[in-house]
N, C-alpha and C. Protein backbone atom coordinates (compact mmCIF):
# COMPACT_ATOMS: atom_id res chain seq x y z
N MET A 1 -15.70 -13.27 -28.85
CA MET A 1 -15.22 -12.41 -27.78
C MET A 1 -14.76 -13.30 -26.62
N ALA A 2 -13.58 -13.03 -26.10
CA ALA A 2 -13.02 -13.80 -25.00
C ALA A 2 -13.74 -13.48 -23.71
N GLN A 3 -13.86 -14.48 -22.85
CA GLN A 3 -14.50 -14.25 -21.56
C GLN A 3 -13.55 -13.52 -20.63
N ASP A 4 -14.12 -12.65 -19.82
CA ASP A 4 -13.34 -11.86 -18.87
C ASP A 4 -13.27 -12.61 -17.54
N VAL A 5 -12.09 -12.77 -17.00
CA VAL A 5 -11.90 -13.44 -15.71
C VAL A 5 -12.43 -12.52 -14.61
N LEU A 6 -13.13 -13.11 -13.65
CA LEU A 6 -13.61 -12.35 -12.50
C LEU A 6 -12.71 -12.64 -11.30
N HIS A 7 -12.34 -11.58 -10.59
CA HIS A 7 -11.49 -11.71 -9.40
C HIS A 7 -12.29 -11.32 -8.16
N SER A 8 -12.08 -12.04 -7.08
CA SER A 8 -12.61 -11.62 -5.78
C SER A 8 -11.75 -10.44 -5.31
N VAL A 9 -12.16 -9.79 -4.25
CA VAL A 9 -11.38 -8.66 -3.73
C VAL A 9 -9.97 -9.11 -3.34
N PRO A 10 -9.80 -10.21 -2.59
CA PRO A 10 -8.42 -10.64 -2.27
C PRO A 10 -7.60 -11.01 -3.51
N SER A 11 -8.25 -11.64 -4.49
CA SER A 11 -7.56 -12.00 -5.72
C SER A 11 -7.16 -10.75 -6.50
N ALA A 12 -8.03 -9.76 -6.54
CA ALA A 12 -7.72 -8.49 -7.21
C ALA A 12 -6.55 -7.80 -6.52
N ALA A 13 -6.53 -7.84 -5.19
CA ALA A 13 -5.43 -7.23 -4.44
C ALA A 13 -4.11 -7.89 -4.80
N LYS A 14 -4.13 -9.21 -4.93
CA LYS A 14 -2.92 -9.94 -5.31
C LYS A 14 -2.52 -9.59 -6.74
N PHE A 15 -3.49 -9.52 -7.65
CA PHE A 15 -3.23 -9.17 -9.05
C PHE A 15 -2.61 -7.78 -9.16
N LEU A 16 -3.02 -6.87 -8.29
CA LEU A 16 -2.52 -5.49 -8.33
C LEU A 16 -1.17 -5.34 -7.62
N GLY A 17 -0.53 -6.44 -7.32
CA GLY A 17 0.83 -6.37 -6.78
C GLY A 17 0.93 -6.69 -5.31
N GLY A 18 -0.09 -7.32 -4.76
CA GLY A 18 -0.02 -7.72 -3.36
C GLY A 18 -0.41 -6.62 -2.39
N ILE A 19 -1.26 -5.70 -2.85
CA ILE A 19 -1.73 -4.65 -1.96
C ILE A 19 -2.78 -5.22 -1.01
N SER A 20 -3.20 -4.44 -0.06
CA SER A 20 -4.19 -4.86 0.91
C SER A 20 -5.58 -4.96 0.27
N ALA A 21 -6.35 -5.97 0.69
CA ALA A 21 -7.74 -6.08 0.25
C ALA A 21 -8.53 -4.86 0.71
N TRP A 22 -8.14 -4.29 1.84
CA TRP A 22 -8.81 -3.07 2.33
C TRP A 22 -8.61 -1.90 1.38
N THR A 23 -7.44 -1.83 0.75
CA THR A 23 -7.18 -0.78 -0.23
C THR A 23 -8.09 -0.96 -1.44
N VAL A 24 -8.24 -2.20 -1.90
CA VAL A 24 -9.13 -2.48 -3.03
C VAL A 24 -10.57 -2.10 -2.67
N ARG A 25 -11.01 -2.45 -1.47
CA ARG A 25 -12.37 -2.09 -1.04
C ARG A 25 -12.54 -0.57 -0.98
N SER A 26 -11.52 0.12 -0.54
CA SER A 26 -11.56 1.58 -0.49
C SER A 26 -11.69 2.16 -1.89
N TRP A 27 -10.90 1.65 -2.83
CA TRP A 27 -10.96 2.14 -4.21
C TRP A 27 -12.32 1.84 -4.83
N LEU A 28 -12.93 0.70 -4.47
CA LEU A 28 -14.27 0.39 -4.96
C LEU A 28 -15.28 1.41 -4.42
N SER A 29 -15.19 1.72 -3.14
CA SER A 29 -16.15 2.67 -2.56
C SER A 29 -15.93 4.09 -3.08
N GLN A 30 -14.70 4.42 -3.47
CA GLN A 30 -14.39 5.74 -4.04
C GLN A 30 -14.75 5.82 -5.53
N GLY A 31 -15.04 4.67 -6.14
CA GLY A 31 -15.35 4.65 -7.57
C GLY A 31 -14.12 4.57 -8.46
N ARG A 32 -12.96 4.39 -7.88
CA ARG A 32 -11.74 4.28 -8.69
C ARG A 32 -11.70 2.95 -9.44
N LEU A 33 -12.32 1.91 -8.86
CA LEU A 33 -12.48 0.61 -9.50
C LEU A 33 -13.97 0.32 -9.61
N ARG A 34 -14.37 -0.34 -10.70
CA ARG A 34 -15.77 -0.71 -10.90
C ARG A 34 -15.98 -2.16 -10.49
N ARG A 35 -17.04 -2.40 -9.74
CA ARG A 35 -17.34 -3.74 -9.26
C ARG A 35 -18.37 -4.40 -10.16
N THR A 36 -18.40 -5.73 -10.11
CA THR A 36 -19.44 -6.53 -10.74
C THR A 36 -20.03 -7.38 -9.63
N LYS A 37 -21.33 -7.27 -9.41
CA LYS A 37 -21.98 -8.04 -8.35
C LYS A 37 -22.47 -9.37 -8.93
N ILE A 38 -22.13 -10.44 -8.27
CA ILE A 38 -22.61 -11.78 -8.59
C ILE A 38 -23.32 -12.27 -7.33
N GLY A 39 -24.65 -12.14 -7.34
CA GLY A 39 -25.40 -12.41 -6.12
C GLY A 39 -25.00 -11.37 -5.09
N SER A 40 -24.52 -11.83 -3.94
CA SER A 40 -24.08 -10.89 -2.90
C SER A 40 -22.57 -10.65 -2.95
N ARG A 41 -21.88 -11.34 -3.86
CA ARG A 41 -20.42 -11.22 -3.94
C ARG A 41 -20.00 -10.05 -4.81
N THR A 42 -18.96 -9.37 -4.39
CA THR A 42 -18.34 -8.31 -5.18
C THR A 42 -17.18 -8.92 -5.94
N MET A 43 -17.23 -8.81 -7.25
CA MET A 43 -16.17 -9.32 -8.11
C MET A 43 -15.65 -8.17 -8.96
N ILE A 44 -14.45 -8.31 -9.46
CA ILE A 44 -13.84 -7.28 -10.31
C ILE A 44 -13.31 -7.97 -11.55
N ARG A 45 -13.72 -7.45 -12.70
CA ARG A 45 -13.28 -8.03 -13.97
C ARG A 45 -11.79 -7.76 -14.19
N GLN A 46 -11.10 -8.74 -14.78
CA GLN A 46 -9.67 -8.56 -15.04
C GLN A 46 -9.45 -7.38 -15.98
N SER A 47 -10.34 -7.18 -16.94
CA SER A 47 -10.19 -6.03 -17.85
C SER A 47 -10.27 -4.71 -17.08
N GLU A 48 -11.07 -4.67 -16.01
CA GLU A 48 -11.15 -3.47 -15.17
C GLU A 48 -9.84 -3.25 -14.43
N LEU A 49 -9.24 -4.32 -13.92
CA LEU A 49 -7.95 -4.22 -13.23
C LEU A 49 -6.86 -3.75 -14.20
N GLU A 50 -6.88 -4.28 -15.42
CA GLU A 50 -5.89 -3.87 -16.42
C GLU A 50 -6.09 -2.41 -16.81
N ARG A 51 -7.35 -1.96 -16.92
CA ARG A 51 -7.63 -0.55 -17.21
C ARG A 51 -7.10 0.33 -16.10
N PHE A 52 -7.33 -0.08 -14.86
CA PHE A 52 -6.87 0.68 -13.70
C PHE A 52 -5.35 0.78 -13.68
N LEU A 53 -4.66 -0.32 -13.95
CA LEU A 53 -3.20 -0.32 -13.98
C LEU A 53 -2.67 0.59 -15.09
N ALA A 54 -3.29 0.53 -16.26
CA ALA A 54 -2.86 1.37 -17.38
C ALA A 54 -3.08 2.85 -17.04
N GLU A 55 -4.19 3.16 -16.38
CA GLU A 55 -4.48 4.53 -15.96
C GLU A 55 -3.44 5.02 -14.95
N CYS A 56 -3.05 4.17 -14.03
CA CYS A 56 -2.04 4.53 -13.04
C CYS A 56 -0.68 4.74 -13.69
N GLU A 57 -0.33 3.86 -14.63
CA GLU A 57 0.95 4.00 -15.33
C GLU A 57 0.98 5.29 -16.14
N GLU A 58 -0.14 5.62 -16.77
CA GLU A 58 -0.22 6.85 -17.55
C GLU A 58 -0.07 8.08 -16.66
N ALA A 59 -0.68 8.04 -15.49
CA ALA A 59 -0.58 9.16 -14.55
C ALA A 59 0.86 9.34 -14.06
N GLN A 60 1.57 8.23 -13.87
CA GLN A 60 2.97 8.33 -13.43
C GLN A 60 3.87 8.84 -14.54
N ALA A 61 3.53 8.55 -15.79
CA ALA A 61 4.37 8.96 -16.93
C ALA A 61 4.15 10.42 -17.28
N THR A 62 3.02 10.99 -16.89
CA THR A 62 2.70 12.37 -17.21
C THR A 62 3.34 13.29 -16.19
N PRO A 63 4.23 14.19 -16.61
CA PRO A 63 4.86 15.10 -15.66
C PRO A 63 3.84 16.10 -15.09
N LEU A 64 4.00 16.43 -13.85
CA LEU A 64 3.11 17.39 -13.21
C LEU A 64 3.46 18.81 -13.67
N LYS A 65 2.44 19.62 -13.87
CA LYS A 65 2.68 21.02 -14.23
C LYS A 65 3.02 21.79 -12.97
N ARG A 66 4.00 22.64 -13.08
CA ARG A 66 4.38 23.47 -11.93
C ARG A 66 3.49 24.69 -11.87
N LEU A 67 3.10 25.03 -10.67
CA LEU A 67 2.33 26.25 -10.48
C LEU A 67 3.27 27.43 -10.41
N SER A 68 2.95 28.50 -11.11
CA SER A 68 3.81 29.69 -11.12
C SER A 68 3.45 30.61 -9.98
């Protein structure tokens, strides 16, 4: 099994396309992203970031249902 790369919050923000680290922290507190604690540090697994991106892409590809 391949090892999963761990990203810091700023590194995760950069991986997600250069968004704000504050946005990543907000998504962590909302539960949209899962954190991995290493001592007192908050880290995010690359596989979690890839899951999040795939989920976002899927949501964009799914057309919204119109309310009648």
